[in-house]
């Protein structure tokens, strides 16, 4: 997109980075990425407050996978019984009670497979290319904040990042 600039702020502490994220929220900038050398609860809370993500969509995929697995188990067992009729002792050809174990196992299998696959899809993993603005020091000892802002807001956001404690603010084309 033309007219956008990436501001890359480098911070020494997680408190400064979290303060910068809250500052971005006050400046109505919601298009940003955060990089840290370790998991930080303060940064996670600041990002959650800004983005207001809500509940994960993975749970819907798990539910759909569970229903699909249970339906597949039911069709598989009943269909097999109807295809190869084994009449034993006057019992019905397709008795559901003995098939509950197979239905349950397929429900769990499909639910787990859909949970894992939907987690990777919604997380956009694996990432084969590094994210724009990433610096190797963000994985070692520094915290990074990459914000995409309009050209008209660059000076305001750059000053806000410096006020939050950024030791370096670099510009890059978005």
N, C-alpha and C. Protein backbone atom coordinates (compact mmCIF):
# COMPACT_ATOMS: atom_id res chain seq x y z
N UNK A 1 0.85 -1.18 0.00
CA UNK A 1 0.00 0.00 0.00
C UNK A 1 0.89 1.24 0.00
N UNK A 2 0.65 2.14 -0.91
CA UNK A 2 1.42 3.37 -0.92
C UNK A 2 0.91 4.28 0.18
N UNK A 3 1.81 5.11 0.66
CA UNK A 3 1.42 6.04 1.71
C UNK A 3 1.57 5.46 3.11
N UNK A 4 2.15 4.28 3.24
CA UNK A 4 2.38 3.70 4.56
C UNK A 4 3.87 3.51 4.79
N UNK A 5 4.26 3.73 6.02
CA UNK A 5 5.65 3.57 6.44
C UNK A 5 5.69 2.62 7.63
N UNK A 6 6.71 1.78 7.68
CA UNK A 6 6.91 0.91 8.84
C UNK A 6 7.89 1.59 9.78
N UNK A 7 7.47 1.74 11.02
CA UNK A 7 8.36 2.24 12.06
C UNK A 7 8.79 1.06 12.91
N UNK A 8 10.08 0.88 13.06
CA UNK A 8 10.64 -0.24 13.80
C UNK A 8 11.28 0.31 15.07
N UNK A 9 10.64 0.06 16.20
CA UNK A 9 11.15 0.52 17.48
C UNK A 9 11.86 -0.60 18.22
N UNK A 10 13.02 -0.28 18.80
CA UNK A 10 13.80 -1.25 19.56
C UNK A 10 13.77 -0.84 21.03
N UNK A 11 13.40 -1.77 21.89
CA UNK A 11 13.26 -1.49 23.32
C UNK A 11 14.15 -2.43 24.13
N UNK A 12 14.60 -1.97 25.29
CA UNK A 12 15.44 -2.81 26.14
C UNK A 12 14.64 -3.59 27.18
N UNK A 13 13.43 -3.13 27.50
CA UNK A 13 12.65 -3.83 28.52
C UNK A 13 11.23 -4.08 28.04
N UNK A 14 10.60 -5.07 28.65
CA UNK A 14 9.23 -5.41 28.26
C UNK A 14 8.25 -4.34 28.71
N UNK A 15 8.55 -3.63 29.80
CA UNK A 15 7.66 -2.56 30.27
C UNK A 15 7.59 -1.43 29.27
N UNK A 16 8.75 -1.06 28.69
CA UNK A 16 8.77 -0.01 27.69
C UNK A 16 8.00 -0.42 26.44
N UNK A 17 8.19 -1.65 26.03
CA UNK A 17 7.49 -2.16 24.85
C UNK A 17 5.98 -2.20 25.08
N UNK A 18 5.56 -2.64 26.25
CA UNK A 18 4.12 -2.67 26.58
C UNK A 18 3.55 -1.25 26.62
N UNK A 19 4.32 -0.30 27.14
CA UNK A 19 3.87 1.09 27.17
C UNK A 19 3.73 1.63 25.74
N UNK A 20 4.65 1.24 24.85
CA UNK A 20 4.56 1.68 23.46
C UNK A 20 3.33 1.09 22.78
N UNK A 21 3.00 -0.15 23.09
CA UNK A 21 1.80 -0.78 22.51
C UNK A 21 0.55 -0.03 22.97
N UNK A 22 0.50 0.31 24.24
CA UNK A 22 -0.64 1.09 24.74
C UNK A 22 -0.69 2.47 24.11
N UNK A 23 0.49 3.05 23.85
CA UNK A 23 0.54 4.33 23.15
C UNK A 23 0.04 4.23 21.72
N UNK A 24 0.36 3.12 21.05
CA UNK A 24 -0.17 2.90 19.70
C UNK A 24 -1.69 2.81 19.73
N UNK A 25 -2.21 2.19 20.76
CA UNK A 25 -3.67 2.08 20.90
C UNK A 25 -4.29 3.46 21.04
N UNK A 26 -3.67 4.31 21.85
CA UNK A 26 -4.19 5.67 22.03
C UNK A 26 -4.08 6.49 20.74
N UNK A 27 -3.07 6.16 19.92
CA UNK A 27 -2.89 6.86 18.64
C UNK A 27 -3.71 6.22 17.52
N UNK A 28 -4.53 5.23 17.85
CA UNK A 28 -5.39 4.52 16.90
C UNK A 28 -4.61 3.81 15.80
N UNK A 29 -3.47 3.23 16.19
CA UNK A 29 -2.67 2.41 15.28
C UNK A 29 -2.82 0.97 15.74
N UNK A 30 -3.46 0.14 14.91
CA UNK A 30 -3.70 -1.25 15.29
C UNK A 30 -2.99 -2.25 14.39
N UNK A 31 -2.24 -1.76 13.42
CA UNK A 31 -1.51 -2.63 12.50
C UNK A 31 -0.05 -2.67 12.94
N UNK A 32 0.28 -3.63 13.78
CA UNK A 32 1.65 -3.73 14.31
C UNK A 32 2.00 -5.17 14.62
N UNK A 33 3.29 -5.44 14.71
CA UNK A 33 3.82 -6.74 15.15
C UNK A 33 4.79 -6.51 16.29
N UNK A 34 4.81 -7.44 17.22
CA UNK A 34 5.71 -7.36 18.36
C UNK A 34 6.63 -8.57 18.35
N UNK A 35 7.92 -8.32 18.61
CA UNK A 35 8.90 -9.39 18.69
C UNK A 35 9.58 -9.31 20.05
N UNK A 36 9.75 -10.45 20.70
CA UNK A 36 10.43 -10.45 22.00
C UNK A 36 11.30 -11.69 22.12
N UNK A 37 12.36 -11.59 22.92
CA UNK A 37 13.25 -12.75 23.08
C UNK A 37 12.65 -13.86 23.95
N UNK A 38 11.58 -13.55 24.68
CA UNK A 38 10.90 -14.56 25.52
C UNK A 38 9.45 -14.16 25.67
N UNK A 39 8.64 -15.10 26.12
CA UNK A 39 7.22 -14.80 26.34
C UNK A 39 7.07 -13.78 27.46
N UNK A 40 6.28 -12.79 27.24
CA UNK A 40 6.09 -11.74 28.23
C UNK A 40 4.60 -11.55 28.49
N UNK A 41 4.22 -11.72 29.73
CA UNK A 41 2.82 -11.56 30.11
C UNK A 41 2.38 -10.10 29.95
N UNK A 42 3.28 -9.16 30.23
CA UNK A 42 2.92 -7.75 30.11
C UNK A 42 2.64 -7.37 28.66
N UNK A 43 3.47 -7.88 27.76
CA UNK A 43 3.26 -7.58 26.34
C UNK A 43 1.99 -8.26 25.84
N UNK A 44 1.77 -9.51 26.26
CA UNK A 44 0.55 -10.22 25.85
C UNK A 44 -0.70 -9.49 26.32
N UNK A 45 -0.69 -8.98 27.56
CA UNK A 45 -1.85 -8.25 28.07
C UNK A 45 -2.07 -6.96 27.29
N UNK A 46 -0.97 -6.26 26.95
CA UNK A 46 -1.11 -5.02 26.19
C UNK A 46 -1.66 -5.30 24.80
N UNK A 47 -1.17 -6.34 24.15
CA UNK A 47 -1.66 -6.69 22.80
C UNK A 47 -3.12 -7.13 22.86
N UNK A 48 -3.48 -7.93 23.86
CA UNK A 48 -4.87 -8.37 24.00
C UNK A 48 -5.80 -7.20 24.22
N UNK A 49 -5.35 -6.22 25.01
CA UNK A 49 -6.17 -5.04 25.28
C UNK A 49 -6.39 -4.23 24.01
N UNK A 50 -5.35 -4.12 23.19
CA UNK A 50 -5.45 -3.33 21.96
C UNK A 50 -6.27 -4.05 20.91
N UNK A 51 -5.99 -5.32 20.69
CA UNK A 51 -6.62 -6.03 19.57
C UNK A 51 -7.99 -6.60 19.93
N UNK A 52 -8.26 -6.87 21.17
CA UNK A 52 -9.54 -7.43 21.62
C UNK A 52 -9.93 -8.62 20.75
N UNK A 53 -9.08 -9.63 20.76
CA UNK A 53 -9.26 -10.79 19.90
C UNK A 53 -10.48 -11.62 20.25
N UNK A 54 -10.81 -11.72 21.49
CA UNK A 54 -11.94 -12.56 21.87
C UNK A 54 -11.56 -14.03 21.89
N UNK A 55 -12.53 -14.87 21.61
CA UNK A 55 -12.30 -16.31 21.68
C UNK A 55 -11.71 -16.84 20.38
N UNK A 56 -10.99 -17.92 20.53
CA UNK A 56 -10.29 -18.52 19.40
C UNK A 56 -11.27 -19.21 18.45
N UNK A 57 -11.05 -19.10 17.13
CA UNK A 57 -11.91 -19.80 16.18
C UNK A 57 -11.61 -21.30 16.10
N UNK A 58 -10.54 -21.75 16.74
CA UNK A 58 -10.16 -23.16 16.69
C UNK A 58 -11.27 -24.04 17.28
N UNK A 59 -11.95 -23.55 18.28
CA UNK A 59 -12.98 -24.35 18.94
C UNK A 59 -14.11 -24.74 17.99
N UNK A 60 -14.41 -23.88 17.02
CA UNK A 60 -15.46 -24.21 16.04
C UNK A 60 -15.01 -25.34 15.12
N UNK A 61 -13.73 -25.33 14.75
CA UNK A 61 -13.20 -26.40 13.91
C UNK A 61 -13.19 -27.73 14.67
N UNK A 62 -12.88 -27.68 15.97
CA UNK A 62 -12.87 -28.90 16.78
C UNK A 62 -14.28 -29.47 16.88
N UNK A 63 -15.25 -28.62 17.08
CA UNK A 63 -16.64 -29.08 17.16
C UNK A 63 -17.07 -29.71 15.84
N UNK A 64 -16.75 -29.05 14.73
CA UNK A 64 -17.10 -29.60 13.42
C UNK A 64 -16.37 -30.93 13.17
N UNK A 65 -15.11 -31.00 13.58
CA UNK A 65 -14.36 -32.25 13.43
C UNK A 65 -14.94 -33.36 14.28
N UNK A 66 -15.38 -33.04 15.49
CA UNK A 66 -16.01 -34.05 16.35
C UNK A 66 -17.30 -34.58 15.76
N UNK A 67 -18.13 -33.67 15.27
CA UNK A 67 -19.37 -34.10 14.63
C UNK A 67 -19.10 -34.94 13.38
N UNK A 68 -18.13 -34.52 12.61
CA UNK A 68 -17.77 -35.27 11.40
C UNK A 68 -17.27 -36.66 11.76
N UNK A 69 -16.45 -36.75 12.80
CA UNK A 69 -15.94 -38.05 13.23
C UNK A 69 -17.03 -38.96 13.74
N UNK A 70 -17.95 -38.42 14.54
CA UNK A 70 -19.05 -39.24 15.06
C UNK A 70 -19.95 -39.71 13.91
N UNK A 71 -20.23 -38.84 12.98
CA UNK A 71 -21.07 -39.22 11.83
C UNK A 71 -20.35 -40.27 10.98
N UNK A 72 -19.05 -40.08 10.78
CA UNK A 72 -18.27 -41.06 10.00
C UNK A 72 -18.25 -42.41 10.70
N UNK A 73 -18.08 -42.41 12.02
CA UNK A 73 -18.10 -43.67 12.76
C UNK A 73 -19.44 -44.37 12.68
N UNK A 74 -20.51 -43.60 12.75
CA UNK A 74 -21.84 -44.17 12.65
C UNK A 74 -22.07 -44.77 11.27
N UNK A 75 -21.74 -44.02 10.23
CA UNK A 75 -21.92 -44.50 8.86
C UNK A 75 -21.03 -45.71 8.59
N UNK A 76 -19.81 -45.67 9.07
CA UNK A 76 -18.87 -46.78 8.84
C UNK A 76 -19.37 -48.08 9.49
N UNK A 77 -19.78 -48.01 10.74
CA UNK A 77 -20.19 -49.22 11.44
C UNK A 77 -21.53 -49.75 10.93
N UNK A 78 -22.50 -48.86 10.80
CA UNK A 78 -23.82 -49.31 10.33
C UNK A 78 -23.73 -49.76 8.87
N UNK A 79 -22.99 -49.04 8.06
CA UNK A 79 -22.84 -49.43 6.66
C UNK A 79 -22.16 -50.77 6.50
N UNK A 80 -21.14 -51.01 7.33
CA UNK A 80 -20.46 -52.31 7.29
C UNK A 80 -21.41 -53.43 7.69
N UNK A 81 -22.22 -53.18 8.72
CA UNK A 81 -23.18 -54.21 9.17
C UNK A 81 -24.22 -54.51 8.10
N UNK A 82 -24.69 -53.50 7.42
CA UNK A 82 -25.69 -53.72 6.39
C UNK A 82 -25.10 -54.38 5.15
N UNK A 83 -23.82 -54.09 4.88
CA UNK A 83 -23.18 -54.69 3.70
C UNK A 83 -22.94 -56.18 3.90
N UNK A 84 -22.43 -56.55 5.09
CA UNK A 84 -22.16 -57.96 5.38
C UNK A 84 -23.07 -58.39 6.52
N UNK A 85 -24.21 -58.88 6.20
CA UNK A 85 -25.19 -59.30 7.20
C UNK A 85 -24.69 -60.53 7.95
N UNK A 86 -24.50 -60.34 9.23
CA UNK A 86 -24.18 -61.47 10.10
C UNK A 86 -25.31 -61.55 11.12
N UNK A 87 -26.20 -62.49 10.91
CA UNK A 87 -27.34 -62.65 11.80
C UNK A 87 -26.95 -63.66 12.86
N UNK A 88 -26.86 -63.19 14.09
CA UNK A 88 -26.44 -64.05 15.19
C UNK A 88 -27.43 -63.95 16.33
N UNK A 89 -28.09 -65.01 16.63
CA UNK A 89 -28.95 -65.10 17.81
C UNK A 89 -30.13 -64.15 17.79
N UNK A 90 -30.61 -63.75 16.65
CA UNK A 90 -31.79 -62.90 16.60
C UNK A 90 -31.52 -61.44 16.91
N UNK A 91 -30.25 -61.04 17.03
CA UNK A 91 -29.95 -59.63 17.29
C UNK A 91 -30.15 -58.82 16.01
N UNK A 92 -30.42 -57.53 16.16
CA UNK A 92 -30.59 -56.70 14.96
C UNK A 92 -29.27 -56.60 14.17
N UNK A 93 -29.40 -56.37 12.90
CA UNK A 93 -28.21 -56.29 12.04
C UNK A 93 -27.34 -55.10 12.44
N UNK A 94 -27.93 -53.96 12.68
CA UNK A 94 -27.18 -52.76 13.06
C UNK A 94 -27.57 -52.34 14.46
N UNK A 95 -26.94 -52.93 15.45
CA UNK A 95 -27.17 -52.56 16.85
C UNK A 95 -26.19 -51.44 17.21
N UNK A 96 -26.69 -50.34 17.71
CA UNK A 96 -25.86 -49.16 17.97
C UNK A 96 -24.97 -49.35 19.20
N UNK A 97 -25.43 -50.02 20.21
CA UNK A 97 -24.67 -50.13 21.47
C UNK A 97 -23.24 -50.64 21.29
N UNK A 98 -22.98 -51.68 20.52
CA UNK A 98 -21.60 -52.11 20.36
C UNK A 98 -20.75 -51.15 19.53
N UNK A 99 -21.39 -50.28 18.80
CA UNK A 99 -20.65 -49.37 17.92
C UNK A 99 -20.27 -48.06 18.59
N UNK A 100 -20.74 -47.84 19.80
CA UNK A 100 -20.47 -46.57 20.49
C UNK A 100 -18.97 -46.35 20.67
N UNK A 101 -18.23 -47.40 20.94
CA UNK A 101 -16.78 -47.26 21.12
C UNK A 101 -16.13 -46.77 19.84
N UNK A 102 -16.48 -47.34 18.71
CA UNK A 102 -15.90 -46.93 17.42
C UNK A 102 -16.32 -45.51 17.09
N UNK A 103 -17.57 -45.17 17.32
CA UNK A 103 -18.06 -43.82 17.06
C UNK A 103 -17.30 -42.81 17.92
N UNK A 104 -17.11 -43.15 19.21
CA UNK A 104 -16.40 -42.26 20.12
C UNK A 104 -14.95 -42.08 19.69
N UNK A 105 -14.28 -43.15 19.34
CA UNK A 105 -12.87 -43.06 18.94
C UNK A 105 -12.70 -42.23 17.68
N UNK A 106 -13.58 -42.39 16.69
CA UNK A 106 -13.47 -41.57 15.48
C UNK A 106 -13.82 -40.12 15.76
N UNK A 107 -14.74 -39.88 16.68
CA UNK A 107 -15.06 -38.51 17.06
C UNK A 107 -13.83 -37.83 17.68
N UNK A 108 -13.14 -38.52 18.57
CA UNK A 108 -11.93 -37.97 19.20
C UNK A 108 -10.83 -37.79 18.15
N UNK A 109 -10.62 -38.77 17.29
CA UNK A 109 -9.58 -38.68 16.26
C UNK A 109 -9.81 -37.49 15.34
N UNK A 110 -11.02 -37.35 14.81
CA UNK A 110 -11.30 -36.24 13.90
C UNK A 110 -11.24 -34.89 14.62
N UNK A 111 -11.69 -34.86 15.87
CA UNK A 111 -11.62 -33.62 16.64
C UNK A 111 -10.20 -33.18 16.89
N UNK A 112 -9.32 -34.11 17.24
CA UNK A 112 -7.92 -33.77 17.48
C UNK A 112 -7.23 -33.35 16.19
N UNK A 113 -7.45 -34.08 15.11
CA UNK A 113 -6.83 -33.71 13.84
C UNK A 113 -7.30 -32.34 13.36
N UNK A 114 -8.57 -32.04 13.53
CA UNK A 114 -9.05 -30.71 13.13
C UNK A 114 -8.53 -29.63 14.06
N UNK A 115 -8.33 -29.94 15.35
CA UNK A 115 -7.77 -28.96 16.28
C UNK A 115 -6.34 -28.60 15.90
N UNK A 116 -5.52 -29.59 15.63
CA UNK A 116 -4.13 -29.35 15.28
C UNK A 116 -4.03 -28.60 13.96
N UNK A 117 -4.76 -29.06 12.95
CA UNK A 117 -4.67 -28.40 11.64
C UNK A 117 -5.22 -26.98 11.69
N UNK A 118 -6.33 -26.75 12.40
CA UNK A 118 -6.87 -25.39 12.47
C UNK A 118 -5.98 -24.48 13.29
N UNK A 119 -5.27 -25.02 14.28
CA UNK A 119 -4.31 -24.20 15.03
C UNK A 119 -3.22 -23.68 14.11
N UNK A 120 -2.67 -24.57 13.29
CA UNK A 120 -1.61 -24.16 12.38
C UNK A 120 -2.14 -23.19 11.32
N UNK A 121 -3.34 -23.40 10.85
CA UNK A 121 -3.91 -22.52 9.82
C UNK A 121 -4.19 -21.13 10.39
N UNK A 122 -4.84 -21.05 11.56
CA UNK A 122 -5.18 -19.74 12.13
C UNK A 122 -3.94 -19.01 12.66
N UNK A 123 -2.90 -19.74 13.02
CA UNK A 123 -1.66 -19.11 13.49
C UNK A 123 -0.73 -18.75 12.34
N UNK A 124 -1.10 -19.17 11.15
CA UNK A 124 -0.28 -18.95 9.95
C UNK A 124 1.11 -19.55 10.12
N UNK A 125 1.13 -20.77 10.65
CA UNK A 125 2.39 -21.48 10.83
C UNK A 125 2.49 -22.60 9.82
N UNK A 126 3.61 -23.01 9.41
CA UNK A 126 4.92 -22.44 9.71
C UNK A 126 5.17 -21.20 8.86
N UNK A 127 5.97 -20.31 9.39
CA UNK A 127 6.34 -19.09 8.67
C UNK A 127 7.65 -19.36 7.95
N UNK A 128 7.60 -19.43 6.64
CA UNK A 128 8.79 -19.73 5.86
C UNK A 128 9.65 -18.50 5.63
N UNK A 129 9.08 -17.32 5.76
CA UNK A 129 9.83 -16.08 5.62
C UNK A 129 9.70 -15.31 6.92
N UNK A 130 10.74 -14.57 7.28
CA UNK A 130 10.67 -13.78 8.50
C UNK A 130 9.70 -12.61 8.29
N UNK A 131 9.13 -12.17 9.37
CA UNK A 131 8.15 -11.09 9.30
C UNK A 131 8.84 -9.78 8.92
N UNK A 132 8.13 -8.90 8.23
CA UNK A 132 8.74 -7.62 7.86
C UNK A 132 9.15 -6.84 9.11
N UNK A 133 10.32 -6.28 9.07
CA UNK A 133 10.81 -5.49 10.19
C UNK A 133 11.54 -6.27 11.26
N UNK A 134 11.60 -7.58 11.12
CA UNK A 134 12.26 -8.40 12.14
C UNK A 134 13.78 -8.19 12.10
N UNK A 135 14.38 -8.05 13.25
CA UNK A 135 15.83 -7.96 13.39
C UNK A 135 16.30 -9.11 14.27
N UNK A 136 17.47 -9.64 14.03
CA UNK A 136 17.94 -10.80 14.80
C UNK A 136 18.10 -10.48 16.28
N UNK A 137 18.37 -9.24 16.62
CA UNK A 137 18.53 -8.90 18.04
C UNK A 137 17.21 -8.99 18.81
N UNK A 138 16.06 -9.00 18.07
CA UNK A 138 14.77 -9.16 18.75
C UNK A 138 14.62 -10.56 19.32
N UNK A 139 15.39 -11.50 18.85
CA UNK A 139 15.37 -12.85 19.39
C UNK A 139 16.45 -13.09 20.42
N UNK A 140 17.29 -12.09 20.66
CA UNK A 140 18.41 -12.27 21.60
C UNK A 140 18.18 -11.50 22.89
N UNK A 141 18.18 -10.16 22.82
CA UNK A 141 18.11 -9.40 24.06
C UNK A 141 17.27 -8.12 23.96
N UNK A 142 16.65 -7.87 22.84
CA UNK A 142 15.86 -6.65 22.64
C UNK A 142 14.42 -7.00 22.29
N UNK A 143 13.55 -6.04 22.52
CA UNK A 143 12.14 -6.15 22.16
C UNK A 143 11.90 -5.27 20.95
N UNK A 144 11.13 -5.76 20.00
CA UNK A 144 10.86 -4.99 18.79
C UNK A 144 9.39 -4.75 18.59
N UNK A 145 9.09 -3.58 18.06
CA UNK A 145 7.72 -3.20 17.76
C UNK A 145 7.71 -2.58 16.37
N UNK A 146 7.01 -3.23 15.44
CA UNK A 146 6.94 -2.76 14.06
C UNK A 146 5.51 -2.30 13.81
N UNK A 147 5.36 -0.99 13.58
CA UNK A 147 4.03 -0.41 13.36
C UNK A 147 3.95 0.13 11.94
N UNK A 148 2.86 -0.17 11.26
CA UNK A 148 2.61 0.37 9.93
C UNK A 148 1.65 1.55 10.07
N UNK A 149 2.13 2.72 9.69
CA UNK A 149 1.35 3.94 9.87
C UNK A 149 1.32 4.73 8.56
N UNK A 150 0.33 5.60 8.45
CA UNK A 150 0.23 6.48 7.29
C UNK A 150 1.35 7.52 7.35
N UNK A 151 1.76 8.00 6.19
CA UNK A 151 2.86 8.98 6.14
C UNK A 151 2.55 10.22 6.95
N UNK A 152 1.31 10.58 7.04
CA UNK A 152 0.94 11.79 7.78
C UNK A 152 1.10 11.62 9.29
N UNK A 153 1.08 10.38 9.78
CA UNK A 153 1.18 10.13 11.21
C UNK A 153 2.56 9.69 11.66
N UNK A 154 3.52 9.63 10.76
CA UNK A 154 4.83 9.07 11.08
C UNK A 154 5.51 9.84 12.19
N UNK A 155 5.55 11.15 12.11
CA UNK A 155 6.28 11.93 13.13
C UNK A 155 5.62 11.80 14.50
N UNK A 156 4.30 11.77 14.53
CA UNK A 156 3.58 11.65 15.81
C UNK A 156 3.86 10.28 16.46
N UNK A 157 3.79 9.22 15.67
CA UNK A 157 4.01 7.87 16.20
C UNK A 157 5.48 7.67 16.56
N UNK A 158 6.38 8.24 15.76
CA UNK A 158 7.81 8.13 16.06
C UNK A 158 8.13 8.81 17.39
N UNK A 159 7.56 9.98 17.62
CA UNK A 159 7.77 10.67 18.90
C UNK A 159 7.17 9.87 20.06
N UNK A 160 6.01 9.26 19.82
CA UNK A 160 5.39 8.45 20.87
C UNK A 160 6.26 7.25 21.21
N UNK A 161 6.86 6.60 20.21
CA UNK A 161 7.74 5.46 20.47
C UNK A 161 8.97 5.89 21.26
N UNK A 162 9.54 7.04 20.91
CA UNK A 162 10.71 7.54 21.65
C UNK A 162 10.33 7.90 23.08
N UNK A 163 9.15 8.48 23.27
CA UNK A 163 8.69 8.82 24.63
C UNK A 163 8.46 7.56 25.46
N UNK A 164 8.07 6.47 24.82
CA UNK A 164 7.83 5.21 25.54
C UNK A 164 9.13 4.53 25.95
N UNK A 165 10.26 4.99 25.40
CA UNK A 165 11.54 4.43 25.81
C UNK A 165 12.30 3.70 24.72
N UNK A 166 11.93 3.91 23.47
CA UNK A 166 12.64 3.23 22.38
C UNK A 166 14.06 3.77 22.29
N UNK A 167 15.02 2.85 22.23
CA UNK A 167 16.40 3.30 22.10
C UNK A 167 16.75 3.58 20.64
N UNK A 168 15.96 3.04 19.73
CA UNK A 168 16.16 3.30 18.31
C UNK A 168 14.82 3.17 17.59
N UNK A 169 14.56 4.09 16.67
CA UNK A 169 13.38 4.02 15.83
C UNK A 169 13.84 4.16 14.39
N UNK A 170 13.60 3.13 13.59
CA UNK A 170 14.00 3.13 12.19
C UNK A 170 12.78 3.14 11.30
N UNK A 171 12.95 3.70 10.10
CA UNK A 171 11.86 3.75 9.13
C UNK A 171 12.16 2.79 8.00
N UNK A 172 11.12 2.18 7.48
CA UNK A 172 11.24 1.29 6.32
C UNK A 172 9.98 1.45 5.48
N UNK A 173 10.10 1.21 4.20
CA UNK A 173 8.93 1.27 3.33
C UNK A 173 8.04 0.06 3.59
N UNK A 174 6.73 0.32 3.63
CA UNK A 174 5.80 -0.77 3.93
C UNK A 174 5.49 -1.60 2.73
